[in-house]
Amino acid sequence: MSSRRLVETVIGQLTERFHIEKVRACDTWHLANRFIRKVLAHTMECFLGKLLGNPTLLFEALVEI
C-alpha cells in the first residue's frame, strides 16, 4: 500500500509540476530527451530536498530557501 501511494504521488507531481502528459515533440529522439529531462529534474528536486533534511517529496520547502 505504501509503495502504491509513493508511485501515485510521484506520477501526480510529474503531471502537475512538469506537465509530463503534454510532452510535444516531432520525433522519438526529442520525445525521449524531453521526458528524461523532466524525470531528471524531479529526481534532482528529491535529492536536494533530502540533502537539506526536508521530506523527500515536499518541493515547497525548496522554494522557501
PDB file of N, CA and C in Angstrom:
ATOM      1  N   MET A   1       0.817  -1.189   0.000  1.00  0.00           N
ATOM      2  CA  MET A   1       0.000   0.000   0.000  1.00  0.00           C
ATOM      3  C   MET A   1       0.871   1.267   0.000  1.00  0.00           C
ATOM      4  N   SER A   2       1.947   1.271   0.791  1.00  0.00           N
ATOM      5  CA  SER A   2       2.807   2.461   0.839  1.00  0.00           C
ATOM      6  C   SER A   2       3.563   2.655  -0.471  1.00  0.00           C
ATOM      7  N   SER A   3       3.941   1.562  -1.132  1.00  0.00           N
ATOM      8  CA  SER A   3       4.626   1.674  -2.421  1.00  0.00           C
ATOM      9  C   SER A   3       3.694   2.260  -3.476  1.00  0.00           C
ATOM     10  N   ARG A   4       2.458   1.819  -3.456  1.00  0.00           N
ATOM     11  CA  ARG A   4       1.482   2.334  -4.415  1.00  0.00           C
ATOM     12  C   ARG A   4       1.250   3.829  -4.198  1.00  0.00           C
ATOM     13  N   ARG A   5       1.145   4.238  -2.949  1.00  0.00           N
ATOM     14  CA  ARG A   5       0.939   5.662  -2.648  1.00  0.00           C
ATOM     15  C   ARG A   5       2.124   6.492  -3.111  1.00  0.00           C
ATOM     16  N   LEU A   6       3.337   5.991  -2.910  1.00  0.00           N
ATOM     17  CA  LEU A   6       4.529   6.700  -3.356  1.00  0.00           C
ATOM     18  C   LEU A   6       4.535   6.853  -4.869  1.00  0.00           C
ATOM     19  N   VAL A   7       4.237   5.786  -5.577  1.00  0.00           N
ATOM     20  CA  VAL A   7       4.210   5.826  -7.044  1.00  0.00           C
ATOM     21  C   VAL A   7       3.146   6.802  -7.530  1.00  0.00           C
ATOM     22  N   GLU A   8       1.973   6.771  -6.935  1.00  0.00           N
ATOM     23  CA  GLU A   8       0.913   7.687  -7.343  1.00  0.00           C
ATOM     24  C   GLU A   8       1.268   9.129  -7.038  1.00  0.00           C
ATOM     25  N   THR A   9       1.972   9.374  -5.934  1.00  0.00           N
ATOM     26  CA  THR A   9       2.408  10.731  -5.591  1.00  0.00           C
ATOM     27  C   THR A   9       3.405  11.246  -6.618  1.00  0.00           C
ATOM     28  N   VAL A  10       4.375  10.425  -6.976  1.00  0.00           N
ATOM     29  CA  VAL A  10       5.378  10.838  -7.964  1.00  0.00           C
ATOM     30  C   VAL A  10       4.731  11.092  -9.322  1.00  0.00           C
ATOM     31  N   ILE A  11       3.832  10.229  -9.744  1.00  0.00           N
ATOM     32  CA  ILE A  11       3.139  10.430 -11.016  1.00  0.00           C
ATOM     33  C   ILE A  11       2.319  11.715 -10.968  1.00  0.00           C
ATOM     34  N   GLY A  12       1.672  11.981  -9.857  1.00  0.00           N
ATOM     35  CA  GLY A  12       0.903  13.208  -9.707  1.00  0.00           C
ATOM     36  C   GLY A  12       1.779  14.444  -9.782  1.00  0.00           C
ATOM     37  N   GLN A  13       2.959  14.385  -9.159  1.00  0.00           N
ATOM     38  CA  GLN A  13       3.867  15.525  -9.211  1.00  0.00           C
ATOM     39  C   GLN A  13       4.407  15.736 -10.616  1.00  0.00           C
ATOM     40  N   LEU A  14       4.744  14.664 -11.305  1.00  0.00           N
ATOM     41  CA  LEU A  14       5.221  14.800 -12.680  1.00  0.00           C
ATOM     42  C   LEU A  14       4.135  15.392 -13.569  1.00  0.00           C
ATOM     43  N   THR A  15       2.909  15.016 -13.321  1.00  0.00           N
ATOM     44  CA  THR A  15       1.798  15.514 -14.121  1.00  0.00           C
ATOM     45  C   THR A  15       1.525  16.981 -13.829  1.00  0.00           C
ATOM     46  N   GLU A  16       1.483  17.367 -12.562  1.00  0.00           N
ATOM     47  CA  GLU A  16       1.138  18.731 -12.190  1.00  0.00           C
ATOM     48  C   GLU A  16       2.274  19.710 -12.412  1.00  0.00           C
ATOM     49  N   ARG A  17       3.448  19.398 -11.932  1.00  0.00           N
ATOM     50  CA  ARG A  17       4.554  20.353 -11.967  1.00  0.00           C
ATOM     51  C   ARG A  17       5.290  20.389 -13.298  1.00  0.00           C
ATOM     52  N   PHE A  18       5.439  19.247 -13.920  1.00  0.00           N
ATOM     53  CA  PHE A  18       6.250  19.164 -15.127  1.00  0.00           C
ATOM     54  C   PHE A  18       5.426  18.950 -16.388  1.00  0.00           C
ATOM     55  N   HIS A  19       4.115  18.891 -16.259  1.00  0.00           N
ATOM     56  CA  HIS A  19       3.214  18.727 -17.411  1.00  0.00           C
ATOM     57  C   HIS A  19       3.681  17.589 -18.320  1.00  0.00           C
ATOM     58  N   ILE A  20       3.947  16.455 -17.712  1.00  0.00           N
ATOM     59  CA  ILE A  20       4.521  15.330 -18.445  1.00  0.00           C
ATOM     60  C   ILE A  20       3.532  14.695 -19.420  1.00  0.00           C
ATOM     61  N   GLU A  21       2.241  14.934 -19.227  1.00  0.00           N
ATOM     62  CA  GLU A  21       1.274  14.374 -20.161  1.00  0.00           C
ATOM     63  C   GLU A  21       1.225  15.155 -21.469  1.00  0.00           C
ATOM     64  N   LYS A  22       1.867  16.319 -21.508  1.00  0.00           N
ATOM     65  CA  LYS A  22       1.857  17.154 -22.712  1.00  0.00           C
ATOM     66  C   LYS A  22       3.263  17.350 -23.265  1.00  0.00           C
ATOM     67  N   VAL A  23       4.014  16.301 -23.366  1.00  0.00           N
ATOM     68  CA  VAL A  23       5.347  16.390 -23.950  1.00  0.00           C
ATOM     69  C   VAL A  23       5.186  16.374 -25.460  1.00  0.00           C
ATOM     70  N   ARG A  24       5.438  17.513 -26.073  1.00  0.00           N
ATOM     71  CA  ARG A  24       5.259  17.622 -27.521  1.00  0.00           C
ATOM     72  C   ARG A  24       6.617  17.555 -28.214  1.00  0.00           C
ATOM     73  N   ALA A  25       6.725  16.667 -29.161  1.00  0.00           N
ATOM     74  CA  ALA A  25       7.960  16.525 -29.919  1.00  0.00           C
ATOM     75  C   ALA A  25       7.631  15.980 -31.296  1.00  0.00           C
ATOM     76  N   CYS A  26       8.500  16.276 -32.247  1.00  0.00           N
ATOM     77  CA  CYS A  26       8.273  15.847 -33.634  1.00  0.00           C
ATOM     78  C   CYS A  26       8.740  14.423 -33.897  1.00  0.00           C
ATOM     79  N   ASP A  27       9.730  13.975 -33.145  1.00  0.00           N
ATOM     80  CA  ASP A  27      10.244  12.624 -33.374  1.00  0.00           C
ATOM     81  C   ASP A  27      10.546  11.943 -32.044  1.00  0.00           C
ATOM     82  N   THR A  28      10.899  10.680 -32.130  1.00  0.00           N
ATOM     83  CA  THR A  28      11.114   9.867 -30.937  1.00  0.00           C
ATOM     84  C   THR A  28      12.305  10.348 -30.129  1.00  0.00           C
ATOM     85  N   TRP A  29      13.365  10.804 -30.792  1.00  0.00           N
ATOM     86  CA  TRP A  29      14.556  11.275 -30.096  1.00  0.00           C
ATOM     87  C   TRP A  29      14.226  12.452 -29.178  1.00  0.00           C
ATOM     88  N   HIS A  30      13.530  13.438 -29.697  1.00  0.00           N
ATOM     89  CA  HIS A  30      13.195  14.612 -28.900  1.00  0.00           C
ATOM     90  C   HIS A  30      12.165  14.290 -27.816  1.00  0.00           C
ATOM     91  N   LEU A  31      11.255  13.391 -28.099  1.00  0.00           N
ATOM     92  CA  LEU A  31      10.290  12.963 -27.100  1.00  0.00           C
ATOM     93  C   LEU A  31      10.998  12.310 -25.911  1.00  0.00           C
ATOM     94  N   ALA A  32      11.892  11.386 -26.192  1.00  0.00           N
ATOM     95  CA  ALA A  32      12.636  10.712 -25.127  1.00  0.00           C
ATOM     96  C   ALA A  32      13.503  11.699 -24.359  1.00  0.00           C
ATOM     97  N   ASN A  33      14.139  12.624 -25.063  1.00  0.00           N
ATOM     98  CA  ASN A  33      15.004  13.614 -24.429  1.00  0.00           C
ATOM     99  C   ASN A  33      14.211  14.495 -23.469  1.00  0.00           C
ATOM    100  N   ARG A  34      13.067  14.992 -23.879  1.00  0.00           N
ATOM    101  CA  ARG A  34      12.244  15.843 -23.021  1.00  0.00           C
ATOM    102  C   ARG A  34      11.711  15.073 -21.822  1.00  0.00           C
ATOM    103  N   PHE A  35      11.283  13.850 -22.047  1.00  0.00           N
ATOM    104  CA  PHE A  35      10.775  13.023 -20.954  1.00  0.00           C
ATOM    105  C   PHE A  35      11.868  12.760 -19.928  1.00  0.00           C
ATOM    106  N   ILE A  36      13.054  12.416 -20.384  1.00  0.00           N
ATOM    107  CA  ILE A  36      14.172  12.129 -19.478  1.00  0.00           C
ATOM    108  C   ILE A  36      14.569  13.374 -18.696  1.00  0.00           C
ATOM    109  N   ARG A  37      14.570  14.545 -19.330  1.00  0.00           N
ATOM    110  CA  ARG A  37      14.898  15.785 -18.621  1.00  0.00           C
ATOM    111  C   ARG A  37      13.897  16.083 -17.516  1.00  0.00           C
ATOM    112  N   LYS A  38      12.626  15.825 -17.760  1.00  0.00           N
ATOM    113  CA  LYS A  38      11.608  16.081 -16.748  1.00  0.00           C
ATOM    114  C   LYS A  38      11.754  15.121 -15.572  1.00  0.00           C
ATOM    115  N   VAL A  39      12.021  13.864 -15.852  1.00  0.00           N
ATOM    116  CA  VAL A  39      12.224  12.887 -14.779  1.00  0.00           C
ATOM    117  C   VAL A  39      13.504  13.207 -14.011  1.00  0.00           C
ATOM    118  N   LEU A  40      14.554  13.635 -14.702  1.00  0.00           N
ATOM    119  CA  LEU A  40      15.801  14.017 -14.030  1.00  0.00           C
ATOM    120  C   LEU A  40      15.594  15.229 -13.134  1.00  0.00           C
ATOM    121  N   ALA A  41      14.830  16.219 -13.580  1.00  0.00           N
ATOM    122  CA  ALA A  41      14.550  17.393 -12.754  1.00  0.00           C
ATOM    123  C   ALA A  41      13.801  16.980 -11.489  1.00  0.00           C
ATOM    124  N   HIS A  42      12.852  16.074 -11.608  1.00  0.00           N
ATOM    125  CA  HIS A  42      12.113  15.588 -10.436  1.00  0.00           C
ATOM    126  C   HIS A  42      13.056  14.862  -9.486  1.00  0.00           C
ATOM    127  N   THR A  43      13.947  14.047 -10.019  1.00  0.00           N
ATOM    128  CA  THR A  43      14.898  13.305  -9.196  1.00  0.00           C
ATOM    129  C   THR A  43      15.842  14.254  -8.467  1.00  0.00           C
ATOM    130  N   MET A  44      16.295  15.303  -9.147  1.00  0.00           N
ATOM    131  CA  MET A  44      17.185  16.277  -8.519  1.00  0.00           C
ATOM    132  C   MET A  44      16.470  17.036  -7.402  1.00  0.00           C
ATOM    133  N   GLU A  45      15.210  17.364  -7.584  1.00  0.00           N
ATOM    134  CA  GLU A  45      14.457  18.025  -6.523  1.00  0.00           C
ATOM    135  C   GLU A  45      14.337  17.112  -5.307  1.00  0.00           C
ATOM    136  N   CYS A  46      14.114  15.840  -5.539  1.00  0.00           N
ATOM    137  CA  CYS A  46      14.053  14.877  -4.429  1.00  0.00           C
ATOM    138  C   CYS A  46      15.398  14.806  -3.714  1.00  0.00           C
ATOM    139  N   PHE A  47      16.470  14.762  -4.471  1.00  0.00           N
ATOM    140  CA  PHE A  47      17.812  14.674  -3.912  1.00  0.00           C
ATOM    141  C   PHE A  47      18.152  15.921  -3.099  1.00  0.00           C
ATOM    142  N   LEU A  48      17.866  17.096  -3.637  1.00  0.00           N
ATOM    143  CA  LEU A  48      18.155  18.339  -2.915  1.00  0.00           C
ATOM    144  C   LEU A  48      17.319  18.442  -1.638  1.00  0.00           C
ATOM    145  N   GLY A  49      16.077  18.030  -1.719  1.00  0.00           N
ATOM    146  CA  GLY A  49      15.242  18.041  -0.532  1.00  0.00           C
ATOM    147  C   GLY A  49      15.788  17.143   0.561  1.00  0.00           C
ATOM    148  N   LYS A  50      16.276  15.995   0.162  1.00  0.00           N
ATOM    149  CA  LYS A  50      16.838  15.055   1.136  1.00  0.00           C
ATOM    150  C   LYS A  50      18.137  15.600   1.732  1.00  0.00           C
ATOM    151  N   LEU A  51      18.964  16.255   0.911  1.00  0.00           N
ATOM    152  CA  LEU A  51      20.205  16.853   1.411  1.00  0.00           C
ATOM    153  C   LEU A  51      19.934  17.935   2.447  1.00  0.00           C
ATOM    154  N   LEU A  52      18.871  18.688   2.243  1.00  0.00           N
ATOM    155  CA  LEU A  52      18.536  19.770   3.161  1.00  0.00           C
ATOM    156  C   LEU A  52      17.743  19.301   4.372  1.00  0.00           C
ATOM    157  N   GLY A  53      17.452  18.018   4.439  1.00  0.00           N
ATOM    158  CA  GLY A  53      16.752  17.464   5.581  1.00  0.00           C
ATOM    159  C   GLY A  53      15.248  17.579   5.507  1.00  0.00           C
ATOM    160  N   ASN A  54      14.727  17.902   4.352  1.00  0.00           N
ATOM    161  CA  ASN A  54      13.284  18.005   4.159  1.00  0.00           C
ATOM    162  C   ASN A  54      12.722  16.639   3.767  1.00  0.00           C
ATOM    163  N   PRO A  55      11.419  16.451   3.910  1.00  0.00           N
ATOM    164  CA  PRO A  55      10.826  15.226   3.380  1.00  0.00           C
ATOM    165  C   PRO A  55      11.086  15.123   1.877  1.00  0.00           C
ATOM    166  N   THR A  56      11.264  13.939   1.394  1.00  0.00           N
ATOM    167  CA  THR A  56      11.717  13.711   0.025  1.00  0.00           C
ATOM    168  C   THR A  56      10.819  14.337  -1.030  1.00  0.00           C
ATOM    169  N   LEU A  57       9.522  14.235  -0.893  1.00  0.00           N
ATOM    170  CA  LEU A  57       8.617  14.708  -1.938  1.00  0.00           C
ATOM    171  C   LEU A  57       7.982  16.061  -1.628  1.00  0.00           C
ATOM    172  N   LEU A  58       8.539  16.801  -0.684  1.00  0.00           N
ATOM    173  CA  LEU A  58       7.999  18.109  -0.325  1.00  0.00           C
ATOM    174  C   LEU A  58       8.823  19.196  -1.014  1.00  0.00           C
ATOM    175  N   PHE A  59       8.407  19.579  -2.218  1.00  0.00           N
ATOM    176  CA  PHE A  59       9.182  20.525  -3.009  1.00  0.00           C
ATOM    177  C   PHE A  59       8.953  21.972  -2.600  1.00  0.00           C
ATOM    178  N   GLU A  60       7.860  22.255  -1.910  1.00  0.00           N
ATOM    179  CA  GLU A  60       7.595  23.617  -1.482  1.00  0.00           C
ATOM    180  C   GLU A  60       8.666  24.119  -0.524  1.00  0.00           C
ATOM    181  N   ALA A  61       9.273  23.221   0.236  1.00  0.00           N
ATOM    182  CA  ALA A  61      10.327  23.609   1.182  1.00  0.00           C
ATOM    183  C   ALA A  61      11.572  24.090   0.437  1.00  0.00           C
ATOM    184  N   LEU A  62      11.817  23.624  -0.776  1.00  0.00           N
ATOM    185  CA  LEU A  62      12.962  24.091  -1.551  1.00  0.00           C
ATOM    186  C   LEU A  62      12.777  25.512  -2.031  1.00  0.00           C
ATOM    187  N   VAL A  63      11.572  25.930  -2.268  1.00  0.00           N
ATOM    188  CA  VAL A  63      11.295  27.275  -2.769  1.00  0.00           C
ATOM    189  C   VAL A  63      11.489  28.319  -1.681  1.00  0.00           C
ATOM    190  N   GLU A  64      11.287  27.955  -0.440  1.00  0.00           N
ATOM    191  CA  GLU A  64      11.388  28.882   0.678  1.00  0.00           C
ATOM    192  C   GLU A  64      12.804  29.257   1.032  1.00  0.00           C
ATOM    193  N   ILE A  65      13.782  28.588   0.477  1.00  0.00           N
ATOM    194  CA  ILE A  65      15.193  28.821   0.828  1.00  0.00           C
ATOM    195  C   ILE A  65      15.656  30.141   0.285  1.00  0.00           C
TER     196      ILE A  65
END
